[in-house]
Amino acid sequence: MNSQDRRLEQTILDLLVRREPGKTICPSEAARAIAPAEESWRPLLEPVRRAARRLARQGRVEILQRGRPVDPDEIRGPIRLRARRAGEPSAAP
């Protein structure tokens, strides 16, 4: 894992800490937090999604589609990210 990967993971976690419990963020919010100009943040979307997958496998975040947790290896299309709640089962394998 390189420094950009660590920065993306930390940005996701920082944004989620600032949200009310149970609230979500869009991966684009993390990308925009790092590179606000549109031409700069769009290339970060896939790296942010990879960072979210790593965090989901660690049990630190949940990846949601249509409001439901999904396996990080099965995501296709739009996603939202939510901090894992203590004692909540994970969709990660």
C-alpha atoms as a PDB file:
ATOM      1  CA  MET A   1       0.000   0.000   0.000  1.00  0.00           C
ATOM      2  CA  ASN A   2       1.395   3.402  -0.962  1.00  0.00           C
ATOM      3  CA  SER A   3       0.964   6.820   0.630  1.00  0.00           C
ATOM      4  CA  GLN A   4      -1.975   7.725  -1.649  1.00  0.00           C
ATOM      5  CA  ASP A   5      -3.789   4.539  -0.596  1.00  0.00           C
ATOM      6  CA  ARG A   6      -3.271   5.379   3.081  1.00  0.00           C
ATOM      7  CA  ARG A   7      -4.408   8.967   2.486  1.00  0.00           C
ATOM      8  CA  LEU A   8      -7.568   7.805   0.699  1.00  0.00           C
ATOM      9  CA  GLU A   9      -8.427   5.370   3.493  1.00  0.00           C
ATOM     10  CA  GLN A  10      -7.858   8.023   6.142  1.00  0.00           C
ATOM     11  CA  THR A  11      -9.950  10.555   4.219  1.00  0.00           C
ATOM     12  CA  ILE A  12     -12.854   8.090   4.026  1.00  0.00           C
ATOM     13  CA  LEU A  13     -12.628   7.422   7.765  1.00  0.00           C
ATOM     14  CA  ASP A  14     -12.317  11.138   8.598  1.00  0.00           C
ATOM     15  CA  LEU A  15     -15.399  12.011   6.551  1.00  0.00           C
ATOM     16  CA  LEU A  16     -17.412   9.220   8.182  1.00  0.00           C
ATOM     17  CA  VAL A  17     -16.419  10.313  11.700  1.00  0.00           C
ATOM     18  CA  ARG A  18     -17.894  13.740  10.952  1.00  0.00           C
ATOM     19  CA  ARG A  19     -21.252  12.233   9.922  1.00  0.00           C
ATOM     20  CA  GLU A  20     -24.049  11.342  12.267  1.00  0.00           C
ATOM     21  CA  PRO A  21     -24.073   7.645  13.184  1.00  0.00           C
ATOM     22  CA  GLY A  22     -25.554   5.564  10.377  1.00  0.00           C
ATOM     23  CA  LYS A  23     -25.134   8.285   7.741  1.00  0.00           C
ATOM     24  CA  THR A  24     -23.221   7.622   4.534  1.00  0.00           C
ATOM     25  CA  ILE A  25     -20.814   9.312   2.168  1.00  0.00           C
ATOM     26  CA  CYS A  26     -20.355   9.003  -1.563  1.00  0.00           C
ATOM     27  CA  PRO A  27     -16.892   7.938  -2.754  1.00  0.00           C
ATOM     28  CA  SER A  28     -16.752  11.182  -4.733  1.00  0.00           C
ATOM     29  CA  GLU A  29     -16.758  13.123  -1.443  1.00  0.00           C
ATOM     30  CA  ALA A  30     -13.453  11.498  -0.482  1.00  0.00           C
ATOM     31  CA  ALA A  31     -12.001  12.170  -3.936  1.00  0.00           C
ATOM     32  CA  ARG A  32     -13.114  15.809  -3.785  1.00  0.00           C
ATOM     33  CA  ALA A  33     -11.672  16.241  -0.303  1.00  0.00           C
ATOM     34  CA  ILE A  34      -8.246  15.372  -1.691  1.00  0.00           C
ATOM     35  CA  ALA A  35      -8.476  17.065  -5.098  1.00  0.00           C
ATOM     36  CA  PRO A  36     -11.286  19.648  -5.262  1.00  0.00           C
ATOM     37  CA  ALA A  37     -10.902  20.591  -8.943  1.00  0.00           C
ATOM     38  CA  GLU A  38     -13.135  18.408 -11.137  1.00  0.00           C
ATOM     39  CA  GLU A  39     -10.349  17.402 -13.474  1.00  0.00           C
ATOM     40  CA  SER A  40      -8.328  16.322 -10.434  1.00  0.00           C
ATOM     41  CA  TRP A  41     -10.838  14.305  -8.373  1.00  0.00           C
ATOM     42  CA  ARG A  42     -12.441  12.184 -11.096  1.00  0.00           C
ATOM     43  CA  PRO A  43      -9.312  10.027 -11.638  1.00  0.00           C
ATOM     44  CA  LEU A  44      -9.387   9.279  -7.891  1.00  0.00           C
ATOM     45  CA  LEU A  45     -12.814   7.599  -7.963  1.00  0.00           C
ATOM     46  CA  GLU A  46     -11.568   4.079  -8.645  1.00  0.00           C
ATOM     47  CA  PRO A  47      -8.699   4.375  -6.128  1.00  0.00           C
ATOM     48  CA  VAL A  48     -11.279   5.550  -3.541  1.00  0.00           C
ATOM     49  CA  ARG A  49     -13.466   2.518  -4.332  1.00  0.00           C
ATOM     50  CA  ARG A  50     -10.427   0.246  -3.868  1.00  0.00           C
ATOM     51  CA  ALA A  51      -9.674   1.963  -0.537  1.00  0.00           C
ATOM     52  CA  ALA A  52     -13.294   1.402   0.513  1.00  0.00           C
ATOM     53  CA  ARG A  53     -13.002  -2.293  -0.367  1.00  0.00           C
ATOM     54  CA  ARG A  54      -9.887  -2.611   1.802  1.00  0.00           C
ATOM     55  CA  LEU A  55     -11.613  -0.850   4.705  1.00  0.00           C
ATOM     56  CA  ALA A  56     -14.691  -3.061   4.301  1.00  0.00           C
ATOM     57  CA  ARG A  57     -12.543  -6.207   4.394  1.00  0.00           C
ATOM     58  CA  GLN A  58     -10.987  -4.876   7.620  1.00  0.00           C
ATOM     59  CA  GLY A  59     -14.472  -4.400   9.064  1.00  0.00           C
ATOM     60  CA  ARG A  60     -14.076  -0.639   9.389  1.00  0.00           C
ATOM     61  CA  VAL A  61     -16.689   0.500   6.839  1.00  0.00           C
ATOM     62  CA  GLU A  62     -19.671  -0.922   5.037  1.00  0.00           C
ATOM     63  CA  ILE A  63     -20.266  -0.606   1.333  1.00  0.00           C
ATOM     64  CA  LEU A  64     -23.936  -0.083   0.551  1.00  0.00           C
ATOM     65  CA  GLN A  65     -25.967  -0.398  -2.610  1.00  0.00           C
ATOM     66  CA  ARG A  66     -29.620   0.539  -2.530  1.00  0.00           C
ATOM     67  CA  GLY A  67     -29.268   1.031   1.217  1.00  0.00           C
ATOM     68  CA  ARG A  68     -28.066  -2.515   1.927  1.00  0.00           C
ATOM     69  CA  PRO A  69     -24.572  -3.777   2.787  1.00  0.00           C
ATOM     70  CA  VAL A  70     -22.877  -5.659  -0.041  1.00  0.00           C
ATOM     71  CA  ASP A  71     -19.808  -7.831  -0.314  1.00  0.00           C
ATOM     72  CA  PRO A  72     -16.841  -5.617  -1.291  1.00  0.00           C
ATOM     73  CA  ASP A  73     -15.929  -8.070  -4.046  1.00  0.00           C
ATOM     74  CA  GLU A  74     -19.407  -7.944  -5.569  1.00  0.00           C
ATOM     75  CA  ILE A  75     -19.953  -4.213  -6.013  1.00  0.00           C
ATOM     76  CA  ARG A  76     -20.949  -2.909  -9.409  1.00  0.00           C
ATOM     77  CA  GLY A  77     -22.291   0.568 -10.002  1.00  0.00           C
ATOM     78  CA  PRO A  78     -23.064   3.348  -7.507  1.00  0.00           C
ATOM     79  CA  ILE A  79     -22.138   2.799  -3.872  1.00  0.00           C
ATOM     80  CA  ARG A  80     -22.312   4.620  -0.557  1.00  0.00           C
ATOM     81  CA  LEU A  81     -20.007   4.160   2.420  1.00  0.00           C
ATOM     82  CA  ARG A  82     -20.988   3.955   6.080  1.00  0.00           C
ATOM     83  CA  ALA A  83     -18.945   3.481   9.250  1.00  0.00           C
ATOM     84  CA  ARG A  84     -19.405   0.025  10.744  1.00  0.00           C
ATOM     85  CA  ARG A  85     -21.398  -0.009  13.925  1.00  0.00           C
ATOM     86  CA  ALA A  86     -20.112  -2.059  16.839  1.00  0.00           C
ATOM     87  CA  GLY A  87     -21.660  -5.516  16.971  1.00  0.00           C
ATOM     88  CA  GLU A  88     -23.109  -5.288  13.474  1.00  0.00           C
ATOM     89  CA  PRO A  89     -22.443  -8.268  11.194  1.00  0.00           C
ATOM     90  CA  SER A  90     -20.329  -7.596   8.130  1.00  0.00           C
ATOM     91  CA  ALA A  91     -21.250  -8.303   4.492  1.00  0.00           C
ATOM     92  CA  ALA A  92     -17.546  -8.881   3.827  1.00  0.00           C
ATOM     93  CA  PRO A  93     -16.529 -12.504   3.324  1.00  0.00           C
END
